[in-house]
């Protein structure tokens, strides 16, 4: 069996996906569900063993709230703001739960400001 070494670009994409996913507090399972692929696909991509299509890169970058160019960057994507982390959590909630949380935050803000 001929094992090829992963390309530097594919490895870099995988590392950036893993880094951003972890920064958002997402599991591979959660990311795979949002991108609608198997968990193994995300695992292989993060390890540099799967070369994602442009369509896949677009989906992943949307879920991770970054651009495709951030996934290609040699430096890990910039640290997330609290707003980005909260937005990611909200995007994973059911609409009813998301509405409850946003209404709560609005009420809290109105009472404190």
PDB file of N, CA and C in Angstrom:
ATOM      1  N   UNK A   1       0.842  -1.161   0.000  1.00  0.00           N
ATOM      2  CA  UNK A   1       0.000   0.000   0.000  1.00  0.00           C
ATOM      3  C   UNK A   1       0.896   1.236   0.000  1.00  0.00           C
ATOM      4  N   UNK A   2       0.590   2.192  -0.868  1.00  0.00           N
ATOM      5  CA  UNK A   2       1.372   3.394  -1.020  1.00  0.00           C
ATOM      6  C   UNK A   2       0.736   4.529  -0.221  1.00  0.00           C
ATOM      7  N   UNK A   3       1.384   4.907   0.879  1.00  0.00           N
ATOM      8  CA  UNK A   3       0.860   5.997   1.708  1.00  0.00           C
ATOM      9  C   UNK A   3       1.533   7.291   1.284  1.00  0.00           C
ATOM     10  N   UNK A   4       0.691   8.256   0.879  1.00  0.00           N
ATOM     11  CA  UNK A   4       1.221   9.560   0.504  1.00  0.00           C
ATOM     12  C   UNK A   4       1.224  10.473   1.711  1.00  0.00           C
ATOM     13  N   UNK A   5       2.238  11.294   1.762  1.00  0.00           N
ATOM     14  CA  UNK A   5       2.305  12.294   2.822  1.00  0.00           C
ATOM     15  C   UNK A   5       1.316  13.411   2.468  1.00  0.00           C
ATOM     16  N   UNK A   6       0.515  13.866   3.458  1.00  0.00           N
ATOM     17  CA  UNK A   6      -0.434  14.937   3.169  1.00  0.00           C
ATOM     18  C   UNK A   6       0.283  16.199   2.692  1.00  0.00           C
ATOM     19  N   UNK A   7      -0.337  16.926   1.761  1.00  0.00           N
ATOM     20  CA  UNK A   7       0.280  18.163   1.296  1.00  0.00           C
ATOM     21  C   UNK A   7       0.274  19.193   2.413  1.00  0.00           C
ATOM     22  N   UNK A   8       1.186  20.134   2.328  1.00  0.00           N
ATOM     23  CA  UNK A   8       1.276  21.179   3.347  1.00  0.00           C
ATOM     24  C   UNK A   8      -0.012  22.005   3.391  1.00  0.00           C
ATOM     25  N   UNK A   9      -0.587  22.275   2.231  1.00  0.00           N
ATOM     26  CA  UNK A   9      -1.814  23.071   2.180  1.00  0.00           C
ATOM     27  C   UNK A   9      -2.970  22.346   2.856  1.00  0.00           C
ATOM     28  N   UNK A  10      -3.141  21.051   2.563  1.00  0.00           N
ATOM     29  CA  UNK A  10      -4.232  20.275   3.159  1.00  0.00           C
ATOM     30  C   UNK A  10      -4.026  20.152   4.666  1.00  0.00           C
ATOM     31  N   UNK A  11      -2.794  19.963   5.092  1.00  0.00           N
ATOM     32  CA  UNK A  11      -2.495  19.906   6.533  1.00  0.00           C
ATOM     33  C   UNK A  11      -2.805  21.232   7.209  1.00  0.00           C
ATOM     34  N   UNK A  12      -2.441  22.323   6.553  1.00  0.00           N
ATOM     35  CA  UNK A  12      -2.694  23.657   7.112  1.00  0.00           C
ATOM     36  C   UNK A  12      -4.190  23.910   7.250  1.00  0.00           C
ATOM     37  N   UNK A  13      -4.958  23.554   6.231  1.00  0.00           N
ATOM     38  CA  UNK A  13      -6.419  23.711   6.294  1.00  0.00           C
ATOM     39  C   UNK A  13      -6.964  22.924   7.475  1.00  0.00           C
ATOM     40  N   UNK A  14      -6.521  21.689   7.600  1.00  0.00           N
ATOM     41  CA  UNK A  14      -6.990  20.838   8.692  1.00  0.00           C
ATOM     42  C   UNK A  14      -6.672  21.415  10.059  1.00  0.00           C
ATOM     43  N   UNK A  15      -5.461  21.913  10.223  1.00  0.00           N
ATOM     44  CA  UNK A  15      -5.072  22.512  11.509  1.00  0.00           C
ATOM     45  C   UNK A  15      -5.911  23.749  11.808  1.00  0.00           C
ATOM     46  N   UNK A  16      -6.166  24.557  10.779  1.00  0.00           N
ATOM     47  CA  UNK A  16      -6.960  25.769  10.986  1.00  0.00           C
ATOM     48  C   UNK A  16      -8.413  25.439  11.307  1.00  0.00           C
ATOM     49  N   UNK A  17      -8.963  24.412  10.665  1.00  0.00           N
ATOM     50  CA  UNK A  17     -10.332  23.983  10.981  1.00  0.00           C
ATOM     51  C   UNK A  17     -10.397  23.517  12.432  1.00  0.00           C
ATOM     52  N   UNK A  18      -9.459  22.665  12.814  1.00  0.00           N
ATOM     53  CA  UNK A  18      -9.447  22.137  14.187  1.00  0.00           C
ATOM     54  C   UNK A  18      -9.283  23.254  15.208  1.00  0.00           C
ATOM     55  N   UNK A  19      -8.379  24.177  14.938  1.00  0.00           N
ATOM     56  CA  UNK A  19      -8.122  25.280  15.864  1.00  0.00           C
ATOM     57  C   UNK A  19      -9.364  26.147  16.045  1.00  0.00           C
ATOM     58  N   UNK A  20      -9.990  26.510  14.958  1.00  0.00           N
ATOM     59  CA  UNK A  20     -11.175  27.374  15.032  1.00  0.00           C
ATOM     60  C   UNK A  20     -12.353  26.629  15.661  1.00  0.00           C
ATOM     61  N   UNK A  21     -12.513  25.362  15.312  1.00  0.00           N
ATOM     62  CA  UNK A  21     -13.603  24.546  15.876  1.00  0.00           C
ATOM     63  C   UNK A  21     -13.473  24.480  17.395  1.00  0.00           C
ATOM     64  N   UNK A  22     -12.266  24.208  17.854  1.00  0.00           N
ATOM     65  CA  UNK A  22     -12.028  24.102  19.298  1.00  0.00           C
ATOM     66  C   UNK A  22     -12.225  25.448  19.990  1.00  0.00           C
ATOM     67  N   UNK A  23     -11.804  26.532  19.332  1.00  0.00           N
ATOM     68  CA  UNK A  23     -11.973  27.863  19.912  1.00  0.00           C
ATOM     69  C   UNK A  23     -13.453  28.198  20.093  1.00  0.00           C
ATOM     70  N   UNK A  24     -14.282  27.668  19.210  1.00  0.00           N
ATOM     71  CA  UNK A  24     -15.726  27.888  19.312  1.00  0.00           C
ATOM     72  C   UNK A  24     -16.392  26.927  20.288  1.00  0.00           C
ATOM     73  N   UNK A  25     -15.619  25.971  20.777  1.00  0.00           N
ATOM     74  CA  UNK A  25     -16.188  24.991  21.701  1.00  0.00           C
ATOM     75  C   UNK A  25     -17.037  23.944  21.011  1.00  0.00           C
ATOM     76  N   UNK A  26     -16.793  23.743  19.721  1.00  0.00           N
ATOM     77  CA  UNK A  26     -17.538  22.743  18.959  1.00  0.00           C
ATOM     78  C   UNK A  26     -16.802  21.408  18.952  1.00  0.00           C
ATOM     79  N   UNK A  27     -17.559  20.334  18.974  1.00  0.00           N
ATOM     80  CA  UNK A  27     -16.972  19.007  18.787  1.00  0.00           C
ATOM     81  C   UNK A  27     -16.962  18.707  17.287  1.00  0.00           C
ATOM     82  N   UNK A  28     -16.225  17.685  16.924  1.00  0.00           N
ATOM     83  CA  UNK A  28     -16.256  17.251  15.525  1.00  0.00           C
ATOM     84  C   UNK A  28     -17.663  16.816  15.142  1.00  0.00           C
ATOM     85  N   UNK A  29     -18.370  16.216  16.070  1.00  0.00           N
ATOM     86  CA  UNK A  29     -19.738  15.775  15.810  1.00  0.00           C
ATOM     87  C   UNK A  29     -20.649  16.962  15.506  1.00  0.00           C
ATOM     88  N   UNK A  30     -20.512  18.030  16.283  1.00  0.00           N
ATOM     89  CA  UNK A  30     -21.348  19.214  16.069  1.00  0.00           C
ATOM     90  C   UNK A  30     -21.025  19.873  14.726  1.00  0.00           C
ATOM     91  N   UNK A  31     -19.741  19.991  14.415  1.00  0.00           N
ATOM     92  CA  UNK A  31     -19.361  20.576  13.132  1.00  0.00           C
ATOM     93  C   UNK A  31     -19.857  19.716  11.977  1.00  0.00           C
ATOM     94  N   UNK A  32     -19.693  18.419  12.093  1.00  0.00           N
ATOM     95  CA  UNK A  32     -20.129  17.536  11.003  1.00  0.00           C
ATOM     96  C   UNK A  32     -21.643  17.620  10.793  1.00  0.00           C
ATOM     97  N   UNK A  33     -22.393  17.756  11.876  1.00  0.00           N
ATOM     98  CA  UNK A  33     -23.851  17.869  11.752  1.00  0.00           C
ATOM     99  C   UNK A  33     -24.235  19.154  11.027  1.00  0.00           C
ATOM    100  N   UNK A  34     -23.549  20.234  11.343  1.00  0.00           N
ATOM    101  CA  UNK A  34     -23.881  21.514  10.711  1.00  0.00           C
ATOM    102  C   UNK A  34     -23.457  21.567   9.245  1.00  0.00           C
ATOM    103  N   UNK A  35     -22.389  20.844   8.912  1.00  0.00           N
ATOM    104  CA  UNK A  35     -21.910  20.815   7.534  1.00  0.00           C
ATOM    105  C   UNK A  35     -22.564  19.668   6.754  1.00  0.00           C
ATOM    106  N   UNK A  36     -23.230  18.784   7.482  1.00  0.00           N
ATOM    107  CA  UNK A  36     -23.944  17.630   6.922  1.00  0.00           C
ATOM    108  C   UNK A  36     -23.009  16.650   6.215  1.00  0.00           C
ATOM    109  N   UNK A  37     -21.955  16.274   6.960  1.00  0.00           N
ATOM    110  CA  UNK A  37     -21.042  15.219   6.513  1.00  0.00           C
ATOM    111  C   UNK A  37     -20.817  14.272   7.684  1.00  0.00           C
ATOM    112  N   UNK A  38     -20.186  13.156   7.417  1.00  0.00           N
ATOM    113  CA  UNK A  38     -19.860  12.192   8.467  1.00  0.00           C
ATOM    114  C   UNK A  38     -18.772  12.760   9.386  1.00  0.00           C
ATOM    115  N   UNK A  39     -18.796  12.363  10.645  1.00  0.00           N
ATOM    116  CA  UNK A  39     -17.783  12.803  11.606  1.00  0.00           C
ATOM    117  C   UNK A  39     -16.391  12.420  11.103  1.00  0.00           C
ATOM    118  N   UNK A  40     -16.278  11.257  10.519  1.00  0.00           N
ATOM    119  CA  UNK A  40     -14.984  10.786  10.010  1.00  0.00           C
ATOM    120  C   UNK A  40     -14.423  11.736   8.949  1.00  0.00           C
ATOM    121  N   UNK A  41     -15.296  12.366   8.168  1.00  0.00           N
ATOM    122  CA  UNK A  41     -14.839  13.325   7.156  1.00  0.00           C
ATOM    123  C   UNK A  41     -14.164  14.518   7.826  1.00  0.00           C
ATOM    124  N   UNK A  42     -14.772  15.028   8.894  1.00  0.00           N
ATOM    125  CA  UNK A  42     -14.174  16.147   9.632  1.00  0.00           C
ATOM    126  C   UNK A  42     -12.866  15.701  10.272  1.00  0.00           C
ATOM    127  N   UNK A  43     -12.854  14.522  10.862  1.00  0.00           N
ATOM    128  CA  UNK A  43     -11.646  14.000  11.488  1.00  0.00           C
ATOM    129  C   UNK A  43     -10.507  13.884  10.476  1.00  0.00           C
ATOM    130  N   UNK A  44     -10.815  13.315   9.330  1.00  0.00           N
ATOM    131  CA  UNK A  44      -9.786  13.146   8.286  1.00  0.00           C
ATOM    132  C   UNK A  44      -9.320  14.497   7.743  1.00  0.00           C
ATOM    133  N   UNK A  45     -10.248  15.438   7.607  1.00  0.00           N
ATOM    134  CA  UNK A  45      -9.876  16.771   7.125  1.00  0.00           C
ATOM    135  C   UNK A  45      -8.928  17.436   8.125  1.00  0.00           C
ATOM    136  N   UNK A  46      -9.263  17.362   9.415  1.00  0.00           N
ATOM    137  CA  UNK A  46      -8.427  17.997  10.434  1.00  0.00           C
ATOM    138  C   UNK A  46      -7.037  17.360  10.528  1.00  0.00           C
ATOM    139  N   UNK A  47      -6.949  16.091  10.200  1.00  0.00           N
ATOM    140  CA  UNK A  47      -5.645  15.409  10.242  1.00  0.00           C
ATOM    141  C   UNK A  47      -4.881  15.552   8.927  1.00  0.00           C
ATOM    142  N   UNK A  48      -5.472  16.256   7.959  1.00  0.00           N
ATOM    143  CA  UNK A  48      -4.805  16.453   6.671  1.00  0.00           C
ATOM    144  C   UNK A  48      -4.874  15.259   5.756  1.00  0.00           C
ATOM    145  N   UNK A  49      -5.844  14.371   5.997  1.00  0.00           N
ATOM    146  CA  UNK A  49      -5.977  13.159   5.193  1.00  0.00           C
ATOM    147  C   UNK A  49      -7.119  13.252   4.177  1.00  0.00           C
ATOM    148  N   UNK A  50      -7.860  14.344   4.216  1.00  0.00           N
ATOM    149  CA  UNK A  50      -8.996  14.541   3.308  1.00  0.00           C
ATOM    150  C   UNK A  50      -8.876  15.920   2.688  1.00  0.00           C
ATOM    151  N   UNK A  51      -8.902  15.959   1.375  1.00  0.00           N
ATOM    152  CA  UNK A  51      -8.822  17.217   0.652  1.00  0.00           C
ATOM    153  C   UNK A  51     -10.243  17.718   0.401  1.00  0.00           C
ATOM    154  N   UNK A  52     -10.697  18.727   1.150  1.00  0.00           N
ATOM    155  CA  UNK A  52     -12.073  19.189   1.006  1.00  0.00           C
ATOM    156  C   UNK A  52     -12.286  19.954  -0.300  1.00  0.00           C
ATOM    157  N   UNK A  53     -13.488  19.834  -0.824  1.00  0.00           N
ATOM    158  CA  UNK A  53     -13.851  20.587  -2.026  1.00  0.00           C
ATOM    159  C   UNK A  53     -14.032  22.053  -1.657  1.00  0.00           C
ATOM    160  N   UNK A  54     -14.117  22.907  -2.664  1.00  0.00           N
ATOM    161  CA  UNK A  54     -14.378  24.318  -2.405  1.00  0.00           C
ATOM    162  C   UNK A  54     -15.735  24.509  -1.748  1.00  0.00           C
ATOM    163  N   UNK A  55     -16.716  23.720  -2.158  1.00  0.00           N
ATOM    164  CA  UNK A  55     -18.051  23.803  -1.548  1.00  0.00           C
ATOM    165  C   UNK A  55     -17.984  23.441  -0.071  1.00  0.00           C
ATOM    166  N   UNK A  56     -17.202  22.420   0.261  1.00  0.00           N
ATOM    167  CA  UNK A  56     -17.037  22.011   1.662  1.00  0.00           C
ATOM    168  C   UNK A  56     -16.327  23.108   2.454  1.00  0.00           C
ATOM    169  N   UNK A  57     -15.288  23.702   1.866  1.00  0.00           N
ATOM    170  CA  UNK A  57     -14.580  24.790   2.539  1.00  0.00           C
ATOM    171  C   UNK A  57     -15.521  25.962   2.810  1.00  0.00           C
ATOM    172  N   UNK A  58     -16.400  26.233   1.866  1.00  0.00           N
ATOM    173  CA  UNK A  58     -17.358  27.325   2.044  1.00  0.00           C
ATOM    174  C   UNK A  58     -18.307  27.031   3.206  1.00  0.00           C
ATOM    175  N   UNK A  59     -18.817  25.806   3.266  1.00  0.00           N
ATOM    176  CA  UNK A  59     -19.711  25.419   4.360  1.00  0.00           C
ATOM    177  C   UNK A  59     -19.003  25.486   5.707  1.00  0.00           C
ATOM    178  N   UNK A  60     -17.819  24.928   5.769  1.00  0.00           N
ATOM    179  CA  UNK A  60     -17.059  24.903   7.023  1.00  0.00           C
ATOM    180  C   UNK A  60     -16.733  26.322   7.467  1.00  0.00           C
ATOM    181  N   UNK A  61     -16.280  27.158   6.549  1.00  0.00           N
ATOM    182  CA  UNK A  61     -15.929  28.531   6.927  1.00  0.00           C
ATOM    183  C   UNK A  61     -17.157  29.296   7.402  1.00  0.00           C
ATOM    184  N   UNK A  62     -18.317  29.049   6.807  1.00  0.00           N
ATOM    185  CA  UNK A  62     -19.551  29.699   7.269  1.00  0.00           C
ATOM    186  C   UNK A  62     -19.887  29.289   8.702  1.00  0.00           C
ATOM    187  N   UNK A  63     -19.809  28.000   8.975  1.00  0.00           N
ATOM    188  CA  UNK A  63     -20.118  27.509  10.331  1.00  0.00           C
ATOM    189  C   UNK A  63     -19.125  28.058  11.349  1.00  0.00           C
ATOM    190  N   UNK A  64     -17.874  28.181  10.946  1.00  0.00           N
ATOM    191  CA  UNK A  64     -16.829  28.648  11.861  1.00  0.00           C
ATOM    192  C   UNK A  64     -16.708  30.176  11.900  1.00  0.00           C
ATOM    193  N   UNK A  65     -17.536  30.866  11.117  1.00  0.00           N
ATOM    194  CA  UNK A  65     -17.556  32.332  11.083  1.00  0.00           C
ATOM    195  C   UNK A  65     -16.212  32.927  10.671  1.00  0.00           C
ATOM    196  N   UNK A  66     -15.612  32.320   9.652  1.00  0.00           N
ATOM    197  CA  UNK A  66     -14.364  32.839   9.102  1.00  0.00           C
ATOM    198  C   UNK A  66     -14.444  32.753   7.583  1.00  0.00           C
ATOM    199  N   UNK A  67     -13.476  33.347   6.913  1.00  0.00           N
ATOM    200  CA  UNK A  67     -13.442  33.273   5.454  1.00  0.00           C
ATOM    201  C   UNK A  67     -12.653  32.036   5.020  1.00  0.00           C
ATOM    202  N   UNK A  68     -12.835  31.670   3.774  1.00  0.00           N
ATOM    203  CA  UNK A  68     -12.048  30.550   3.232  1.00  0.00           C
ATOM    204  C   UNK A  68     -10.565  30.896   3.288  1.00  0.00           C
ATOM    205  N   UNK A  69     -10.241  32.151   3.046  1.00  0.00           N
ATOM    206  CA  UNK A  69      -8.821  32.537   3.093  1.00  0.00           C
ATOM    207  C   UNK A  69      -8.227  32.339   4.483  1.00  0.00           C
ATOM    208  N   UNK A  70      -9.054  32.481   5.536  1.00  0.00           N
ATOM    209  CA  UNK A  70      -8.563  32.199   6.893  1.00  0.00           C
ATOM    210  C   UNK A  70      -8.178  30.732   7.033  1.00  0.00           C
ATOM    211  N   UNK A  71      -8.911  29.850   6.368  1.00  0.00           N
ATOM    212  CA  UNK A  71      -8.593  28.418   6.433  1.00  0.00           C
ATOM    213  C   UNK A  71      -7.291  28.107   5.704  1.00  0.00           C
ATOM    214  N   UNK A  72      -6.953  28.934   4.718  1.00  0.00           N
ATOM    215  CA  UNK A  72      -5.734  28.714   3.937  1.00  0.00           C
ATOM    216  C   UNK A  72      -4.513  29.393   4.544  1.00  0.00           C
ATOM    217  N   UNK A  73      -4.754  30.301   5.479  1.00  0.00           N
ATOM    218  CA  UNK A  73      -3.693  31.107   6.075  1.00  0.00           C
ATOM    219  C   UNK A  73      -2.685  30.237   6.810  1.00  0.00           C
ATOM    220  N   UNK A  74      -1.427  30.636   6.730  1.00  0.00           N
ATOM    221  CA  UNK A  74      -0.379  29.888   7.431  1.00  0.00           C
ATOM    222  C   UNK A  74      -0.431  30.105   8.929  1.00  0.00           C
ATOM    223  N   UNK A  75      -0.989  31.203   9.361  1.00  0.00           N
ATOM    224  CA  UNK A  75      -1.162  31.442  10.786  1.00  0.00           C
ATOM    225  C   UNK A  75      -2.556  30.983  11.158  1.00  0.00           C
ATOM    226  N   UNK A  76      -2.704  30.499  12.371  1.00  0.00           N
ATOM    227  CA  UNK A  76      -4.020  30.073  12.839  1.00  0.00           C
ATOM    228  C   UNK A  76      -4.968  31.264  12.801  1.00  0.00           C
ATOM    229  N   UNK A  77      -6.245  31.019  12.547  1.00  0.00           N
ATOM    230  CA  UNK A  77      -7.207  32.124  12.531  1.00  0.00           C
ATOM    231  C   UNK A  77      -7.177  32.903  13.844  1.00  0.00           C
ATOM    232  N   UNK A  78      -7.505  34.182  13.729  1.00  0.00           N
ATOM    233  CA  UNK A  78      -7.473  35.062  14.908  1.00  0.00           C
ATOM    234  C   UNK A  78      -8.392  34.546  16.006  1.00  0.00           C
ATOM    235  N   UNK A  79      -8.024  34.879  17.222  1.00  0.00           N
ATOM    236  CA  UNK A  79      -8.819  34.483  18.384  1.00  0.00           C
ATOM    237  C   UNK A  79     -10.223  35.057  18.268  1.00  0.00           C
ATOM    238  N   UNK A  80     -11.187  34.282  18.680  1.00  0.00           N
ATOM    239  CA  UNK A  80     -12.582  34.689  18.590  1.00  0.00           C
ATOM    240  C   UNK A  80     -12.959  35.720  19.629  1.00  0.00           C
ATOM    241  N   UNK A  81     -13.880  36.567  19.251  1.00  0.00           N
ATOM    242  CA  UNK A  81     -14.442  37.486  20.230  1.00  0.00           C
ATOM    243  C   UNK A  81     -15.547  36.752  20.980  1.00  0.00           C
ATOM    244  N   UNK A  82     -15.924  37.273  22.126  1.00  0.00           N
ATOM    245  CA  UNK A  82     -17.022  36.669  22.884  1.00  0.00           C
ATOM    246  C   UNK A  82     -18.301  36.668  22.054  1.00  0.00           C
ATOM    247  N   UNK A  83     -18.501  37.709  21.268  1.00  0.00           N
ATOM    248  CA  UNK A  83     -19.692  37.813  20.421  1.00  0.00           C
ATOM    249  C   UNK A  83     -19.743  36.669  19.417  1.00  0.00           C
ATOM    250  N   UNK A  84     -18.605  36.329  18.822  1.00  0.00           N
ATOM    251  CA  UNK A  84     -18.562  35.229  17.856  1.00  0.00           C
ATOM    252  C   UNK A  84     -18.862  33.893  18.524  1.00  0.00           C
ATOM    253  N   UNK A  85     -18.341  33.710  19.723  1.00  0.00           N
ATOM    254  CA  UNK A  85     -18.592  32.463  20.451  1.00  0.00           C
ATOM    255  C   UNK A  85     -20.077  32.343  20.787  1.00  0.00           C
ATOM    256  N   UNK A  86     -20.672  33.431  21.286  1.00  0.00           N
ATOM    257  CA  UNK A  86     -22.099  33.412  21.617  1.00  0.00           C
ATOM    258  C   UNK A  86     -22.931  33.176  20.356  1.00  0.00           C
ATOM    259  N   UNK A  87     -22.572  33.821  19.257  1.00  0.00           N
ATOM    260  CA  UNK A  87     -23.300  33.632  18.001  1.00  0.00           C
ATOM    261  C   UNK A  87     -23.248  32.178  17.559  1.00  0.00           C
ATOM    262  N   UNK A  88     -22.130  31.527  17.757  1.00  0.00           N
ATOM    263  CA  UNK A  88     -22.003  30.115  17.397  1.00  0.00           C
ATOM    264  C   UNK A  88     -22.912  29.252  18.261  1.00  0.00           C
ATOM    265  N   UNK A  89     -22.919  29.523  19.552  1.00  0.00           N
ATOM    266  CA  UNK A  89     -23.809  28.772  20.440  1.00  0.00           C
ATOM    267  C   UNK A  89     -25.262  28.970  20.039  1.00  0.00           C
ATOM    268  N   UNK A  90     -25.643  30.208  19.778  1.00  0.00           N
ATOM    269  CA  UNK A  90     -27.026  30.500  19.390  1.00  0.00           C
ATOM    270  C   UNK A  90     -27.401  29.797  18.085  1.00  0.00           C
ATOM    271  N   UNK A  91     -26.478  29.748  17.146  1.00  0.00           N
ATOM    272  CA  UNK A  91     -26.774  29.126  15.847  1.00  0.00           C
ATOM    273  C   UNK A  91     -27.027  27.623  15.965  1.00  0.00           C
ATOM    274  N   UNK A  92     -26.558  27.012  17.052  1.00  0.00           N
ATOM    275  CA  UNK A  92     -26.746  25.579  17.252  1.00  0.00           C
ATOM    276  C   UNK A  92     -28.044  25.246  17.980  1.00  0.00           C
ATOM    277  N   UNK A  93     -28.712  26.269  18.510  1.00  0.00           N
ATOM    278  CA  UNK A  93     -29.934  26.047  19.292  1.00  0.00           C
ATOM    279  C   UNK A  93     -31.156  25.888  18.395  1.00  0.00           C
ATOM    280  N   UNK A  94     -32.168  25.256  18.958  1.00  0.00           N
ATOM    281  CA  UNK A  94     -33.457  25.200  18.293  1.00  0.00           C
ATOM    282  C   UNK A  94     -34.024  26.608  18.276  1.00  0.00           C
ATOM    283  N   UNK A  95     -34.819  26.963  17.255  1.00  0.00           N
ATOM    284  CA  UNK A  95     -35.357  28.330  17.157  1.00  0.00           C
ATOM    285  C   UNK A  95     -36.071  28.804  18.425  1.00  0.00           C
ATOM    286  N   UNK A  96     -36.837  27.944  19.040  1.00  0.00           N
ATOM    287  CA  UNK A  96     -37.561  28.320  20.257  1.00  0.00           C
ATOM    288  C   UNK A  96     -36.606  28.670  21.397  1.00  0.00           C
ATOM    289  N   UNK A  97     -35.552  27.878  21.565  1.00  0.00           N
ATOM    290  CA  UNK A  97     -34.555  28.150  22.601  1.00  0.00           C
ATOM    291  C   UNK A  97     -33.776  29.422  22.290  1.00  0.00           C
ATOM    292  N   UNK A  98     -33.436  29.610  21.015  1.00  0.00           N
ATOM    293  CA  UNK A  98     -32.709  30.810  20.599  1.00  0.00           C
ATOM    294  C   UNK A  98     -33.541  32.064  20.893  1.00  0.00           C
ATOM    295  N   UNK A  99     -34.846  32.017  20.614  1.00  0.00           N
ATOM    296  CA  UNK A  99     -35.734  33.132  20.892  1.00  0.00           C
ATOM    297  C   UNK A  99     -35.788  33.423  22.391  1.00  0.00           C
ATOM    298  N   UNK A 100     -35.861  32.372  23.204  1.00  0.00           N
ATOM    299  CA  UNK A 100     -35.885  32.540  24.660  1.00  0.00           C
ATOM    300  C   UNK A 100     -34.628  33.273  25.138  1.00  0.00           C
ATOM    301  N   UNK A 101     -33.479  32.838  24.658  1.00  0.00           N
ATOM    302  CA  UNK A 101     -32.213  33.443  25.080  1.00  0.00           C
ATOM    303  C   UNK A 101     -32.122  34.891  24.614  1.00  0.00           C
ATOM    304  N   UNK A 102     -32.464  35.159  23.373  1.00  0.00           N
ATOM    305  CA  UNK A 102     -32.368  36.537  22.880  1.00  0.00           C
ATOM    306  C   UNK A 102     -33.353  37.451  23.607  1.00  0.00           C
ATOM    307  N   UNK A 103     -34.555  36.957  23.901  1.00  0.00           N
ATOM    308  CA  UNK A 103     -35.511  37.756  24.678  1.00  0.00           C
ATOM    309  C   UNK A 103     -34.980  38.027  26.080  1.00  0.00           C
ATOM    310  N   UNK A 104     -34.365  37.039  26.686  1.00  0.00           N
ATOM    311  CA  UNK A 104     -33.783  37.204  28.021  1.00  0.00           C
ATOM    312  C   UNK A 104     -32.684  38.271  28.006  1.00  0.00           C
ATOM    313  N   UNK A 105     -31.815  38.212  27.017  1.00  0.00           N
ATOM    314  CA  UNK A 105     -30.719  39.178  26.926  1.00  0.00           C
ATOM    315  C   UNK A 105     -31.278  40.592  26.720  1.00  0.00           C
ATOM    316  N   UNK A 106     -32.291  40.725  25.862  1.00  0.00           N
ATOM    317  CA  UNK A 106     -32.913  42.039  25.651  1.00  0.00           C
ATOM    318  C   UNK A 106     -33.495  42.580  26.956  1.00  0.00           C
ATOM    319  N   UNK A 107     -34.215  41.733  27.666  1.00  0.00           N
ATOM    320  CA  UNK A 107     -34.825  42.138  28.942  1.00  0.00           C
ATOM    321  C   UNK A 107     -33.748  42.536  29.950  1.00  0.00           C
ATOM    322  N   UNK A 108     -32.714  41.741  30.041  1.00  0.00           N
ATOM    323  CA  UNK A 108     -31.601  42.046  30.954  1.00  0.00           C
ATOM    324  C   UNK A 108     -30.974  43.392  30.611  1.00  0.00           C
ATOM    325  N   UNK A 109     -30.732  43.606  29.331  1.00  0.00           N
ATOM    326  CA  UNK A 109     -30.115  44.859  28.896  1.00  0.00           C
ATOM    327  C   UNK A 109     -31.006  46.052  29.215  1.00  0.00           C
ATOM    328  N   UNK A 110     -32.290  45.921  28.967  1.00  0.00           N
ATOM    329  CA  UNK A 110     -33.234  47.004  29.247  1.00  0.00           C
ATOM    330  C   UNK A 110     -33.261  47.362  30.733  1.00  0.00           C
ATOM    331  N   UNK A 111     -33.162  46.378  31.570  1.00  0.00           N
ATOM    332  CA  UNK A 111     -33.222  46.606  33.017  1.00  0.00           C
ATOM    333  C   UNK A 111     -31.919  47.152  33.585  1.00  0.00           C
ATOM    334  N   UNK A 112     -30.833  46.920  32.923  1.00  0.00           N
ATOM    335  CA  UNK A 112     -29.544  47.338  33.477  1.00  0.00           C
ATOM    336  C   UNK A 112     -28.991  48.584  32.803  1.00  0.00           C
ATOM    337  N   UNK A 113     -29.600  49.031  31.716  1.00  0.00           N
ATOM    338  CA  UNK A 113     -29.056  50.205  31.009  1.00  0.00           C
ATOM    339  C   UNK A 113     -30.104  51.278  30.843  1.00  0.00           C
TER     340      UNK A 113
END
